[in-house]
Amino acid sequence: MTERATSTPADPSSPDAPNPADAAPARETPRLILRPHRSEDAPALAAICGRPEVARFLLDEPWTEEFAATQVAERLPKTSLSGPAGALAVVIEHEGRVIGDAQLWLTDRERGVAEIGWVLDPAFGGKGFAGEAAAHLLALGFVEHGLHRIAAQMDARNTASARLAERLGMTREAHLRQDWWSKGEWTDTVIFGMLASDLPEPQAEEPAHR
C-alpha cells in the first residue's frame, strides 16, 4: 500500500469534469482487469481499507462503507492523465473480484511529473498482483503519456510496498524522519522515484532461423 500524498480530485459538478458514463475502457494485464471505479465498488473497497492492517499505512482511519462511498465518488472523474483531473484511478479485479485499487496522478502536468499509489487486499498478497497493476500504470505513464518522472511515497514502516517499489525498478531516493503526523504519532516517509530513462531498452527480436 502506498498513498502517502494526496491529490486534488476534479469537481464532478464542473462542466469540464468527465462524465463517469464516458469512463476510459478497462485495461487487461495477464491476470487482472484494471477498470474505472463504479459507485457499487464502495462495499468491496470498504472491506479492504477497513482492515486495521491496511488502514495503518493510509492517511485515513479504517474505511466505513459511507466513507468508501465518498472516496469512490472522488475517484470517478479520474479517468485519464490527459483529462481535466490529470489522474487515472482504477479498481484492480482478479477473476471478477475487487482486490484493490491503484492511482496515477500528475503533480506537474507541464513537466510530466506524476505520483503512483496502490492498495491491495492482504488476502491476495504475495502473488504479484500489486506489482502487475503498478507496472502497467508505470508503463502507461512513461510509454503512452511520455512522462519524465513518477514517484511513490509511503510510510517507512510499510516494508512490503517498499520492496514492491524496488522490484518495479524504482530507486529509493529519500527517508524523511518524522515528517508526517498520522493517527496520533509522527511517522517517517520513504520516497521512491523512477525516470523515463530508467526503463530498460526494448530487446530486438532474434531473426528467425530456417
N, C-alpha and C. Protein backbone atom coordinates (compact mmCIF):
# COMPACT_ATOMS: atom_id res chain seq x y z
N MET A 1 0.83 -1.19 0.00
CA MET A 1 0.00 0.00 0.00
C MET A 1 0.87 1.24 0.00
N THR A 2 0.59 2.16 -0.86
CA THR A 2 1.28 3.43 -0.83
C THR A 2 0.34 4.53 -1.29
N GLU A 3 -0.08 5.34 -0.37
CA GLU A 3 -0.90 6.50 -0.72
C GLU A 3 -0.58 7.59 0.28
N ARG A 4 0.70 7.93 0.38
CA ARG A 4 1.16 8.87 1.39
C ARG A 4 0.71 10.29 1.08
N ALA A 5 0.79 10.67 -0.20
CA ALA A 5 0.43 12.02 -0.57
C ALA A 5 -1.00 12.06 -1.07
N THR A 6 -1.56 13.23 -1.03
CA THR A 6 -2.93 13.39 -1.51
C THR A 6 -2.93 14.17 -2.80
N SER A 7 -4.00 14.04 -3.55
CA SER A 7 -4.15 14.79 -4.79
C SER A 7 -5.50 15.46 -4.78
N THR A 8 -5.66 16.48 -5.60
CA THR A 8 -6.92 17.20 -5.66
C THR A 8 -7.77 16.64 -6.78
N PRO A 9 -8.93 16.03 -6.45
CA PRO A 9 -9.76 15.45 -7.50
C PRO A 9 -10.48 16.53 -8.28
N ALA A 10 -10.88 16.16 -9.49
CA ALA A 10 -11.69 17.08 -10.26
C ALA A 10 -13.05 17.20 -9.61
N ASP A 11 -13.66 18.36 -9.74
CA ASP A 11 -15.00 18.59 -9.23
C ASP A 11 -16.00 17.95 -10.17
N PRO A 12 -16.73 16.91 -9.73
CA PRO A 12 -17.66 16.23 -10.64
C PRO A 12 -18.74 17.15 -11.19
N SER A 13 -19.02 18.28 -10.50
CA SER A 13 -20.04 19.20 -10.98
C SER A 13 -19.51 20.17 -12.01
N SER A 14 -18.19 20.20 -12.19
CA SER A 14 -17.61 21.12 -13.15
C SER A 14 -17.98 20.72 -14.56
N PRO A 15 -18.24 21.69 -15.45
CA PRO A 15 -18.58 21.33 -16.84
C PRO A 15 -17.42 20.67 -17.56
N ASP A 16 -16.19 20.86 -17.03
CA ASP A 16 -15.02 20.23 -17.67
C ASP A 16 -14.74 18.85 -17.14
N ALA A 17 -15.43 18.45 -16.07
CA ALA A 17 -15.17 17.13 -15.48
C ALA A 17 -15.77 16.06 -16.37
N PRO A 18 -15.05 14.92 -16.56
CA PRO A 18 -15.57 13.86 -17.42
C PRO A 18 -16.80 13.21 -16.82
N ASN A 19 -17.67 12.76 -17.66
CA ASN A 19 -18.85 12.03 -17.23
C ASN A 19 -18.43 10.60 -16.91
N PRO A 20 -18.73 10.11 -15.69
CA PRO A 20 -18.34 8.73 -15.37
C PRO A 20 -18.87 7.72 -16.37
N ALA A 21 -19.97 8.04 -17.02
CA ALA A 21 -20.51 7.11 -18.01
C ALA A 21 -19.60 7.01 -19.22
N ASP A 22 -18.76 8.03 -19.41
CA ASP A 22 -17.83 8.03 -20.54
C ASP A 22 -16.43 7.61 -20.10
N ALA A 23 -16.35 6.84 -19.02
CA ALA A 23 -15.06 6.47 -18.45
C ALA A 23 -14.21 5.70 -19.45
N ALA A 24 -12.90 5.76 -19.19
CA ALA A 24 -11.97 5.05 -20.05
C ALA A 24 -12.25 3.55 -20.00
N PRO A 25 -11.95 2.84 -21.06
CA PRO A 25 -12.20 1.39 -21.07
C PRO A 25 -11.29 0.67 -20.09
N ALA A 26 -11.71 -0.52 -19.71
CA ALA A 26 -10.90 -1.34 -18.83
C ALA A 26 -9.63 -1.77 -19.54
N ARG A 27 -8.57 -1.93 -18.76
CA ARG A 27 -7.30 -2.41 -19.28
C ARG A 27 -7.04 -3.79 -18.71
N GLU A 28 -6.44 -4.64 -19.49
CA GLU A 28 -6.18 -6.01 -19.04
C GLU A 28 -4.69 -6.27 -18.97
N THR A 29 -4.27 -6.94 -17.90
CA THR A 29 -2.93 -7.47 -17.76
C THR A 29 -3.08 -8.99 -17.80
N PRO A 30 -2.00 -9.75 -17.76
CA PRO A 30 -2.16 -11.20 -17.86
C PRO A 30 -3.17 -11.81 -16.88
N ARG A 31 -3.27 -11.26 -15.66
CA ARG A 31 -4.17 -11.87 -14.68
C ARG A 31 -5.22 -10.91 -14.13
N LEU A 32 -5.18 -9.66 -14.51
CA LEU A 32 -6.02 -8.66 -13.88
C LEU A 32 -6.81 -7.85 -14.89
N ILE A 33 -7.87 -7.24 -14.40
CA ILE A 33 -8.58 -6.20 -15.13
C ILE A 33 -8.46 -4.92 -14.31
N LEU A 34 -7.99 -3.87 -14.95
CA LEU A 34 -7.87 -2.55 -14.33
C LEU A 34 -8.92 -1.66 -14.97
N ARG A 35 -9.92 -1.31 -14.20
CA ARG A 35 -11.05 -0.58 -14.79
C ARG A 35 -11.39 0.65 -13.96
N PRO A 36 -12.10 1.60 -14.54
CA PRO A 36 -12.54 2.77 -13.76
C PRO A 36 -13.46 2.35 -12.61
N HIS A 37 -13.49 3.19 -11.60
CA HIS A 37 -14.34 2.91 -10.45
C HIS A 37 -15.82 3.06 -10.80
N ARG A 38 -16.64 2.33 -10.07
CA ARG A 38 -18.10 2.45 -10.13
C ARG A 38 -18.60 2.67 -8.71
N SER A 39 -19.73 3.32 -8.57
CA SER A 39 -20.26 3.60 -7.24
C SER A 39 -20.47 2.32 -6.44
N GLU A 40 -20.80 1.22 -7.13
CA GLU A 40 -21.05 -0.04 -6.41
C GLU A 40 -19.78 -0.72 -5.91
N ASP A 41 -18.60 -0.12 -6.17
CA ASP A 41 -17.36 -0.68 -5.66
C ASP A 41 -17.13 -0.33 -4.19
N ALA A 42 -17.92 0.60 -3.63
CA ALA A 42 -17.68 1.08 -2.27
C ALA A 42 -17.65 -0.04 -1.23
N PRO A 43 -18.60 -0.97 -1.21
CA PRO A 43 -18.54 -2.02 -0.18
C PRO A 43 -17.28 -2.87 -0.25
N ALA A 44 -16.86 -3.23 -1.47
CA ALA A 44 -15.67 -4.07 -1.60
C ALA A 44 -14.42 -3.33 -1.13
N LEU A 45 -14.32 -2.05 -1.48
CA LEU A 45 -13.15 -1.28 -1.06
C LEU A 45 -13.19 -0.99 0.44
N ALA A 46 -14.39 -0.82 0.99
CA ALA A 46 -14.51 -0.64 2.44
C ALA A 46 -14.03 -1.89 3.18
N ALA A 47 -14.33 -3.05 2.62
CA ALA A 47 -13.91 -4.30 3.25
C ALA A 47 -12.39 -4.43 3.26
N ILE A 48 -11.73 -3.87 2.24
CA ILE A 48 -10.27 -3.93 2.16
C ILE A 48 -9.65 -2.86 3.05
N CYS A 49 -10.03 -1.60 2.82
CA CYS A 49 -9.41 -0.48 3.53
C CYS A 49 -9.97 -0.31 4.94
N GLY A 50 -10.99 -1.09 5.28
CA GLY A 50 -11.49 -1.10 6.64
C GLY A 50 -10.69 -1.99 7.56
N ARG A 51 -9.79 -2.79 6.99
CA ARG A 51 -8.96 -3.67 7.80
C ARG A 51 -7.87 -2.86 8.48
N PRO A 52 -7.70 -2.99 9.79
CA PRO A 52 -6.71 -2.17 10.50
C PRO A 52 -5.30 -2.28 9.94
N GLU A 53 -4.91 -3.49 9.49
CA GLU A 53 -3.55 -3.66 8.98
C GLU A 53 -3.35 -2.96 7.64
N VAL A 54 -4.44 -2.67 6.92
CA VAL A 54 -4.36 -1.91 5.68
C VAL A 54 -4.40 -0.42 5.99
N ALA A 55 -5.37 0.01 6.79
CA ALA A 55 -5.53 1.43 7.10
C ALA A 55 -4.35 1.99 7.87
N ARG A 56 -3.60 1.14 8.52
CA ARG A 56 -2.45 1.61 9.31
C ARG A 56 -1.53 2.49 8.50
N PHE A 57 -1.34 2.18 7.22
CA PHE A 57 -0.39 2.91 6.41
C PHE A 57 -1.06 3.92 5.47
N LEU A 58 -2.38 4.06 5.57
CA LEU A 58 -3.08 5.04 4.75
C LEU A 58 -3.27 6.34 5.54
N LEU A 59 -3.72 7.37 4.85
CA LEU A 59 -3.94 8.65 5.52
C LEU A 59 -5.17 8.63 6.40
N ASP A 60 -6.09 7.71 6.12
CA ASP A 60 -7.39 7.71 6.78
C ASP A 60 -7.48 6.63 7.84
N GLU A 61 -8.47 6.80 8.70
CA GLU A 61 -8.83 5.74 9.63
C GLU A 61 -9.46 4.59 8.82
N PRO A 62 -9.64 3.41 9.41
CA PRO A 62 -10.28 2.32 8.66
C PRO A 62 -11.59 2.78 8.02
N TRP A 63 -11.76 2.42 6.76
CA TRP A 63 -12.90 2.89 5.99
C TRP A 63 -14.20 2.24 6.46
N THR A 64 -15.24 3.03 6.52
CA THR A 64 -16.60 2.54 6.62
C THR A 64 -17.18 2.54 5.20
N GLU A 65 -18.32 1.90 5.02
CA GLU A 65 -18.94 1.93 3.69
C GLU A 65 -19.32 3.35 3.29
N GLU A 66 -19.76 4.16 4.26
CA GLU A 66 -20.11 5.55 3.97
C GLU A 66 -18.89 6.33 3.50
N PHE A 67 -17.78 6.15 4.21
CA PHE A 67 -16.57 6.86 3.81
C PHE A 67 -16.06 6.33 2.47
N ALA A 68 -16.16 5.03 2.27
CA ALA A 68 -15.74 4.45 1.00
C ALA A 68 -16.53 5.04 -0.16
N ALA A 69 -17.81 5.30 0.06
CA ALA A 69 -18.63 5.89 -0.99
C ALA A 69 -18.11 7.27 -1.39
N THR A 70 -17.66 8.06 -0.40
CA THR A 70 -17.12 9.38 -0.73
C THR A 70 -15.79 9.25 -1.48
N GLN A 71 -14.98 8.26 -1.09
CA GLN A 71 -13.70 8.05 -1.77
C GLN A 71 -13.90 7.59 -3.21
N VAL A 72 -14.85 6.71 -3.42
CA VAL A 72 -15.15 6.25 -4.78
C VAL A 72 -15.66 7.42 -5.62
N ALA A 73 -16.52 8.26 -5.02
CA ALA A 73 -17.04 9.42 -5.75
C ALA A 73 -15.91 10.34 -6.20
N GLU A 74 -14.88 10.49 -5.37
CA GLU A 74 -13.73 11.30 -5.75
C GLU A 74 -12.94 10.67 -6.89
N ARG A 75 -12.96 9.34 -6.96
CA ARG A 75 -12.19 8.64 -7.99
C ARG A 75 -12.91 8.59 -9.34
N LEU A 76 -14.23 8.72 -9.33
CA LEU A 76 -14.99 8.57 -10.57
C LEU A 76 -14.50 9.48 -11.70
N PRO A 77 -14.16 10.76 -11.45
CA PRO A 77 -13.71 11.61 -12.55
C PRO A 77 -12.27 11.33 -13.01
N LYS A 78 -11.56 10.50 -12.26
CA LYS A 78 -10.14 10.27 -12.57
C LYS A 78 -10.01 9.16 -13.60
N THR A 79 -10.21 9.54 -14.85
CA THR A 79 -10.26 8.53 -15.91
C THR A 79 -9.12 8.65 -16.92
N SER A 80 -8.28 9.69 -16.80
CA SER A 80 -7.21 9.86 -17.79
C SER A 80 -6.21 10.91 -17.32
N LEU A 81 -4.94 10.66 -17.56
CA LEU A 81 -3.93 11.67 -17.26
C LEU A 81 -4.09 12.90 -18.13
N SER A 82 -4.61 12.71 -19.32
CA SER A 82 -4.76 13.83 -20.25
C SER A 82 -6.06 14.60 -20.05
N GLY A 83 -6.93 14.11 -19.17
CA GLY A 83 -8.21 14.78 -18.92
C GLY A 83 -8.08 15.88 -17.89
N PRO A 84 -9.19 16.54 -17.55
CA PRO A 84 -9.16 17.65 -16.60
C PRO A 84 -8.61 17.25 -15.23
N ALA A 85 -8.90 16.02 -14.79
CA ALA A 85 -8.44 15.59 -13.47
C ALA A 85 -6.93 15.33 -13.45
N GLY A 86 -6.34 15.05 -14.60
CA GLY A 86 -4.92 14.72 -14.65
C GLY A 86 -4.59 13.51 -13.82
N ALA A 87 -5.49 12.54 -13.80
CA ALA A 87 -5.31 11.36 -12.94
C ALA A 87 -6.07 10.18 -13.50
N LEU A 88 -5.54 9.00 -13.21
CA LEU A 88 -6.21 7.75 -13.57
C LEU A 88 -6.31 6.91 -12.31
N ALA A 89 -7.55 6.61 -11.91
CA ALA A 89 -7.80 5.73 -10.77
C ALA A 89 -8.48 4.47 -11.29
N VAL A 90 -7.98 3.32 -10.88
CA VAL A 90 -8.54 2.06 -11.37
C VAL A 90 -8.78 1.10 -10.22
N VAL A 91 -9.82 0.32 -10.37
CA VAL A 91 -10.07 -0.82 -9.49
C VAL A 91 -9.27 -2.00 -10.03
N ILE A 92 -8.68 -2.76 -9.13
CA ILE A 92 -7.94 -3.97 -9.52
C ILE A 92 -8.87 -5.16 -9.33
N GLU A 93 -9.17 -5.85 -10.42
CA GLU A 93 -10.06 -7.02 -10.37
C GLU A 93 -9.28 -8.27 -10.73
N HIS A 94 -9.55 -9.36 -10.01
CA HIS A 94 -8.98 -10.67 -10.33
C HIS A 94 -10.11 -11.69 -10.31
N GLU A 95 -10.35 -12.30 -11.44
CA GLU A 95 -11.40 -13.31 -11.58
C GLU A 95 -12.75 -12.77 -11.07
N GLY A 96 -13.04 -11.52 -11.46
CA GLY A 96 -14.32 -10.92 -11.14
C GLY A 96 -14.44 -10.35 -9.74
N ARG A 97 -13.38 -10.40 -8.96
CA ARG A 97 -13.43 -9.90 -7.59
C ARG A 97 -12.55 -8.66 -7.45
N VAL A 98 -13.06 -7.63 -6.76
CA VAL A 98 -12.27 -6.43 -6.49
C VAL A 98 -11.25 -6.77 -5.40
N ILE A 99 -9.96 -6.61 -5.72
CA ILE A 99 -8.92 -6.94 -4.75
C ILE A 99 -8.06 -5.73 -4.38
N GLY A 100 -8.40 -4.56 -4.90
CA GLY A 100 -7.63 -3.37 -4.55
C GLY A 100 -7.90 -2.25 -5.54
N ASP A 101 -7.13 -1.17 -5.38
CA ASP A 101 -7.19 -0.12 -6.38
C ASP A 101 -5.83 0.54 -6.50
N ALA A 102 -5.65 1.30 -7.57
CA ALA A 102 -4.38 1.97 -7.83
C ALA A 102 -4.66 3.29 -8.51
N GLN A 103 -3.74 4.24 -8.32
CA GLN A 103 -3.90 5.55 -8.92
C GLN A 103 -2.57 6.06 -9.46
N LEU A 104 -2.67 6.80 -10.54
CA LEU A 104 -1.53 7.52 -11.11
C LEU A 104 -2.02 8.94 -11.36
N TRP A 105 -1.36 9.93 -10.76
CA TRP A 105 -1.84 11.30 -10.92
C TRP A 105 -0.67 12.26 -11.16
N LEU A 106 -0.95 13.27 -11.96
CA LEU A 106 0.05 14.27 -12.28
C LEU A 106 0.24 15.22 -11.11
N THR A 107 1.49 15.51 -10.80
CA THR A 107 1.81 16.54 -9.81
C THR A 107 2.40 17.77 -10.49
N ASP A 108 2.85 17.62 -11.73
CA ASP A 108 3.32 18.74 -12.55
C ASP A 108 3.02 18.38 -14.00
N ARG A 109 1.86 18.82 -14.48
CA ARG A 109 1.42 18.45 -15.82
C ARG A 109 2.39 18.97 -16.89
N GLU A 110 2.84 20.21 -16.72
CA GLU A 110 3.69 20.82 -17.75
C GLU A 110 5.00 20.08 -17.94
N ARG A 111 5.56 19.59 -16.84
CA ARG A 111 6.88 18.95 -16.91
C ARG A 111 6.81 17.42 -16.87
N GLY A 112 5.61 16.87 -16.87
CA GLY A 112 5.48 15.42 -16.95
C GLY A 112 5.93 14.68 -15.71
N VAL A 113 5.50 15.16 -14.53
CA VAL A 113 5.86 14.52 -13.27
C VAL A 113 4.58 13.99 -12.62
N ALA A 114 4.64 12.79 -12.09
CA ALA A 114 3.45 12.16 -11.53
C ALA A 114 3.80 11.36 -10.28
N GLU A 115 2.74 10.89 -9.63
CA GLU A 115 2.90 10.04 -8.45
C GLU A 115 1.99 8.83 -8.61
N ILE A 116 2.39 7.73 -8.01
CA ILE A 116 1.63 6.49 -8.11
C ILE A 116 1.34 5.97 -6.71
N GLY A 117 0.19 5.32 -6.56
CA GLY A 117 -0.17 4.70 -5.29
C GLY A 117 -1.00 3.45 -5.54
N TRP A 118 -0.98 2.54 -4.58
CA TRP A 118 -1.73 1.29 -4.74
C TRP A 118 -2.15 0.76 -3.38
N VAL A 119 -3.25 0.01 -3.37
CA VAL A 119 -3.74 -0.67 -2.18
C VAL A 119 -4.23 -2.05 -2.62
N LEU A 120 -3.84 -3.09 -1.88
CA LEU A 120 -4.22 -4.45 -2.24
C LEU A 120 -4.75 -5.18 -1.02
N ASP A 121 -5.77 -5.99 -1.24
CA ASP A 121 -6.30 -6.85 -0.19
C ASP A 121 -5.20 -7.80 0.28
N PRO A 122 -4.86 -7.80 1.57
CA PRO A 122 -3.80 -8.70 2.05
C PRO A 122 -4.05 -10.16 1.74
N ALA A 123 -5.32 -10.55 1.56
CA ALA A 123 -5.62 -11.95 1.24
C ALA A 123 -5.05 -12.35 -0.11
N PHE A 124 -4.74 -11.34 -0.94
CA PHE A 124 -4.19 -11.62 -2.26
C PHE A 124 -2.73 -11.20 -2.36
N GLY A 125 -2.10 -10.92 -1.22
CA GLY A 125 -0.70 -10.54 -1.21
C GLY A 125 0.21 -11.71 -1.52
N GLY A 126 1.42 -11.39 -1.92
CA GLY A 126 2.42 -12.41 -2.20
C GLY A 126 2.25 -13.13 -3.51
N LYS A 127 1.32 -12.68 -4.35
CA LYS A 127 1.07 -13.32 -5.63
C LYS A 127 1.49 -12.44 -6.82
N GLY A 128 2.02 -11.26 -6.53
CA GLY A 128 2.48 -10.38 -7.59
C GLY A 128 1.40 -9.52 -8.23
N PHE A 129 0.20 -9.52 -7.64
CA PHE A 129 -0.89 -8.75 -8.25
C PHE A 129 -0.64 -7.24 -8.19
N ALA A 130 -0.20 -6.74 -7.03
CA ALA A 130 0.05 -5.31 -6.91
C ALA A 130 1.14 -4.88 -7.88
N GLY A 131 2.19 -5.69 -8.01
CA GLY A 131 3.25 -5.37 -8.94
C GLY A 131 2.79 -5.36 -10.38
N GLU A 132 1.91 -6.30 -10.71
CA GLU A 132 1.38 -6.38 -12.08
C GLU A 132 0.57 -5.13 -12.41
N ALA A 133 -0.25 -4.69 -11.46
CA ALA A 133 -1.06 -3.48 -11.69
C ALA A 133 -0.18 -2.24 -11.74
N ALA A 134 0.74 -2.11 -10.80
CA ALA A 134 1.58 -0.92 -10.75
C ALA A 134 2.50 -0.84 -11.97
N ALA A 135 3.03 -1.97 -12.41
CA ALA A 135 3.90 -1.97 -13.59
C ALA A 135 3.13 -1.50 -14.81
N HIS A 136 1.87 -1.88 -14.90
CA HIS A 136 1.05 -1.44 -16.04
C HIS A 136 0.87 0.07 -16.00
N LEU A 137 0.61 0.64 -14.81
CA LEU A 137 0.43 2.08 -14.71
C LEU A 137 1.72 2.83 -14.98
N LEU A 138 2.84 2.28 -14.54
CA LEU A 138 4.13 2.92 -14.84
C LEU A 138 4.37 2.96 -16.34
N ALA A 139 4.11 1.84 -17.01
CA ALA A 139 4.28 1.81 -18.46
C ALA A 139 3.33 2.78 -19.15
N LEU A 140 2.11 2.86 -18.66
CA LEU A 140 1.15 3.81 -19.22
C LEU A 140 1.68 5.24 -19.11
N GLY A 141 2.22 5.57 -17.93
CA GLY A 141 2.73 6.92 -17.73
C GLY A 141 3.92 7.24 -18.59
N PHE A 142 4.89 6.34 -18.62
CA PHE A 142 6.12 6.62 -19.35
C PHE A 142 5.98 6.42 -20.86
N VAL A 143 5.35 5.34 -21.27
CA VAL A 143 5.31 4.98 -22.69
C VAL A 143 4.16 5.70 -23.40
N GLU A 144 2.95 5.63 -22.83
CA GLU A 144 1.80 6.21 -23.50
C GLU A 144 1.71 7.73 -23.34
N HIS A 145 2.14 8.23 -22.17
CA HIS A 145 2.00 9.67 -21.91
C HIS A 145 3.32 10.42 -21.90
N GLY A 146 4.42 9.73 -22.08
CA GLY A 146 5.71 10.40 -22.18
C GLY A 146 6.14 11.15 -20.93
N LEU A 147 5.78 10.62 -19.75
CA LEU A 147 6.16 11.30 -18.51
C LEU A 147 7.67 11.24 -18.30
N HIS A 148 8.15 12.20 -17.53
CA HIS A 148 9.58 12.27 -17.20
C HIS A 148 9.90 11.51 -15.92
N ARG A 149 9.02 11.63 -14.91
CA ARG A 149 9.32 11.06 -13.60
C ARG A 149 8.02 10.63 -12.91
N ILE A 150 8.08 9.49 -12.21
CA ILE A 150 6.97 9.03 -11.38
C ILE A 150 7.54 8.68 -10.00
N ALA A 151 6.90 9.18 -8.95
CA ALA A 151 7.35 8.93 -7.58
C ALA A 151 6.31 8.13 -6.82
N ALA A 152 6.77 7.49 -5.75
CA ALA A 152 5.88 6.80 -4.82
C ALA A 152 6.34 7.17 -3.41
N GLN A 153 5.40 7.65 -2.58
CA GLN A 153 5.70 7.98 -1.20
C GLN A 153 4.93 7.04 -0.29
N MET A 154 5.58 6.60 0.77
CA MET A 154 4.92 5.63 1.66
C MET A 154 5.45 5.75 3.08
N ASP A 155 4.65 5.28 4.00
CA ASP A 155 5.07 5.15 5.40
C ASP A 155 6.30 4.25 5.44
N ALA A 156 7.33 4.70 6.14
CA ALA A 156 8.57 3.93 6.17
C ALA A 156 8.40 2.55 6.80
N ARG A 157 7.34 2.36 7.58
CA ARG A 157 7.09 1.04 8.18
C ARG A 157 6.48 0.07 7.18
N ASN A 158 6.06 0.60 6.05
CA ASN A 158 5.38 -0.23 5.05
C ASN A 158 6.43 -0.92 4.18
N THR A 159 7.08 -1.90 4.76
CA THR A 159 8.21 -2.55 4.07
C THR A 159 7.76 -3.35 2.85
N ALA A 160 6.52 -3.86 2.87
CA ALA A 160 6.04 -4.63 1.71
C ALA A 160 5.95 -3.74 0.48
N SER A 161 5.42 -2.52 0.64
CA SER A 161 5.33 -1.61 -0.50
C SER A 161 6.72 -1.14 -0.94
N ALA A 162 7.62 -0.98 0.02
CA ALA A 162 8.99 -0.58 -0.33
C ALA A 162 9.66 -1.66 -1.18
N ARG A 163 9.48 -2.91 -0.80
CA ARG A 163 10.06 -3.99 -1.59
C ARG A 163 9.44 -4.04 -2.98
N LEU A 164 8.14 -3.78 -3.06
CA LEU A 164 7.47 -3.78 -4.36
C LEU A 164 8.03 -2.66 -5.23
N ALA A 165 8.19 -1.47 -4.67
CA ALA A 165 8.73 -0.36 -5.45
C ALA A 165 10.11 -0.71 -6.01
N GLU A 166 10.92 -1.37 -5.21
CA GLU A 166 12.25 -1.77 -5.68
C GLU A 166 12.14 -2.80 -6.79
N ARG A 167 11.21 -3.75 -6.67
CA ARG A 167 11.04 -4.75 -7.72
C ARG A 167 10.56 -4.11 -9.02
N LEU A 168 9.82 -3.03 -8.91
CA LEU A 168 9.35 -2.32 -10.10
C LEU A 168 10.46 -1.54 -10.79
N GLY A 169 11.62 -1.45 -10.15
CA GLY A 169 12.73 -0.70 -10.73
C GLY A 169 12.82 0.72 -10.24
N MET A 170 12.04 1.06 -9.21
CA MET A 170 12.11 2.40 -8.65
C MET A 170 13.30 2.51 -7.70
N THR A 171 13.84 3.71 -7.59
CA THR A 171 15.02 3.96 -6.76
C THR A 171 14.61 4.59 -5.44
N ARG A 172 15.11 4.05 -4.35
CA ARG A 172 14.87 4.65 -3.02
C ARG A 172 15.69 5.94 -2.94
N GLU A 173 15.02 7.06 -2.89
CA GLU A 173 15.70 8.36 -3.01
C GLU A 173 15.81 9.12 -1.69
N ALA A 174 14.88 8.88 -0.77
CA ALA A 174 14.90 9.68 0.47
C ALA A 174 14.18 8.94 1.58
N HIS A 175 14.63 9.22 2.80
CA HIS A 175 13.95 8.77 4.01
C HIS A 175 13.80 10.01 4.89
N LEU A 176 12.57 10.49 4.99
CA LEU A 176 12.29 11.70 5.76
C LEU A 176 11.86 11.30 7.17
N ARG A 177 12.56 11.79 8.16
CA ARG A 177 12.33 11.38 9.54
C ARG A 177 11.22 12.21 10.19
N GLN A 178 10.22 11.51 10.71
CA GLN A 178 9.12 12.10 11.46
C GLN A 178 8.60 13.38 10.78
N ASP A 179 8.29 13.25 9.51
CA ASP A 179 7.81 14.41 8.74
C ASP A 179 6.29 14.44 8.62
N TRP A 180 5.61 13.33 9.01
CA TRP A 180 4.17 13.21 8.75
C TRP A 180 3.46 12.81 10.02
N TRP A 181 2.50 13.66 10.45
CA TRP A 181 1.70 13.35 11.62
C TRP A 181 0.54 12.49 11.19
N SER A 182 0.48 11.27 11.68
CA SER A 182 -0.54 10.34 11.23
C SER A 182 -1.08 9.53 12.40
N LYS A 183 -2.39 9.64 12.60
CA LYS A 183 -3.09 8.83 13.61
C LYS A 183 -2.43 8.96 14.99
N GLY A 184 -2.14 10.20 15.36
CA GLY A 184 -1.66 10.47 16.70
C GLY A 184 -0.18 10.30 16.94
N GLU A 185 0.61 10.14 15.87
CA GLU A 185 2.05 9.99 16.06
C GLU A 185 2.82 10.51 14.85
N TRP A 186 4.06 10.90 15.08
CA TRP A 186 4.93 11.28 13.98
C TRP A 186 5.44 10.02 13.30
N THR A 187 5.41 10.02 11.97
CA THR A 187 5.88 8.86 11.21
C THR A 187 6.88 9.31 10.16
N ASP A 188 7.70 8.36 9.72
CA ASP A 188 8.69 8.62 8.67
C ASP A 188 8.08 8.35 7.30
N THR A 189 8.62 9.02 6.30
CA THR A 189 8.21 8.81 4.91
C THR A 189 9.40 8.36 4.08
N VAL A 190 9.18 7.35 3.25
CA VAL A 190 10.18 6.91 2.28
C VAL A 190 9.69 7.29 0.89
N ILE A 191 10.60 7.82 0.09
CA ILE A 191 10.26 8.26 -1.27
C ILE A 191 11.05 7.44 -2.28
N PHE A 192 10.33 6.87 -3.23
CA PHE A 192 10.93 6.16 -4.36
C PHE A 192 10.66 6.96 -5.63
N GLY A 193 11.57 6.89 -6.58
CA GLY A 193 11.37 7.59 -7.84
C GLY A 193 11.85 6.77 -9.02
N MET A 194 11.25 7.03 -10.16
CA MET A 194 11.65 6.36 -11.41
C MET A 194 11.59 7.37 -12.53
N LEU A 195 12.60 7.39 -13.37
CA LEU A 195 12.66 8.26 -14.53
C LEU A 195 12.38 7.47 -15.80
N ALA A 196 11.94 8.18 -16.81
CA ALA A 196 11.73 7.51 -18.09
C ALA A 196 13.01 6.85 -18.57
N SER A 197 14.15 7.47 -18.27
CA SER A 197 15.44 6.91 -18.71
C SER A 197 15.81 5.65 -17.95
N ASP A 198 15.09 5.33 -16.86
CA ASP A 198 15.35 4.10 -16.12
C ASP A 198 14.72 2.88 -16.77
N LEU A 199 13.80 3.11 -17.71
CA LEU A 199 13.15 1.98 -18.36
C LEU A 199 14.16 1.19 -19.17
N PRO A 200 14.11 -0.13 -19.11
CA PRO A 200 15.04 -0.93 -19.92
C PRO A 200 14.76 -0.75 -21.40
N GLU A 201 15.80 -0.79 -22.18
CA GLU A 201 15.65 -0.69 -23.63
C GLU A 201 14.92 -1.92 -24.14
N PRO A 202 13.98 -1.74 -25.05
CA PRO A 202 13.29 -2.92 -25.61
C PRO A 202 14.27 -3.82 -26.34
N GLN A 203 14.10 -5.10 -26.14
CA GLN A 203 15.00 -6.06 -26.77
C GLN A 203 14.57 -6.32 -28.22
N ALA A 204 15.55 -6.27 -29.11
CA ALA A 204 15.26 -6.57 -30.52
C ALA A 204 14.97 -8.06 -30.68
N GLU A 205 14.02 -8.38 -31.50
CA GLU A 205 13.67 -9.78 -31.70
C GLU A 205 14.76 -10.49 -32.50
N GLU A 206 15.03 -11.73 -32.10
CA GLU A 206 16.01 -12.54 -32.81
C GLU A 206 15.45 -12.90 -34.19
N PRO A 207 16.28 -12.80 -35.23
CA PRO A 207 15.78 -13.22 -36.55
C PRO A 207 15.46 -14.70 -36.56
N ALA A 208 14.44 -15.05 -37.27
CA ALA A 208 14.06 -16.46 -37.35
C ALA A 208 15.09 -17.22 -38.15
N HIS A 209 15.43 -18.42 -37.70
CA HIS A 209 16.39 -19.27 -38.42
C HIS A 209 15.64 -20.32 -39.22
N ARG A 210 16.10 -20.53 -40.39
CA ARG A 210 15.49 -21.57 -41.23
C ARG A 210 16.01 -22.94 -40.80
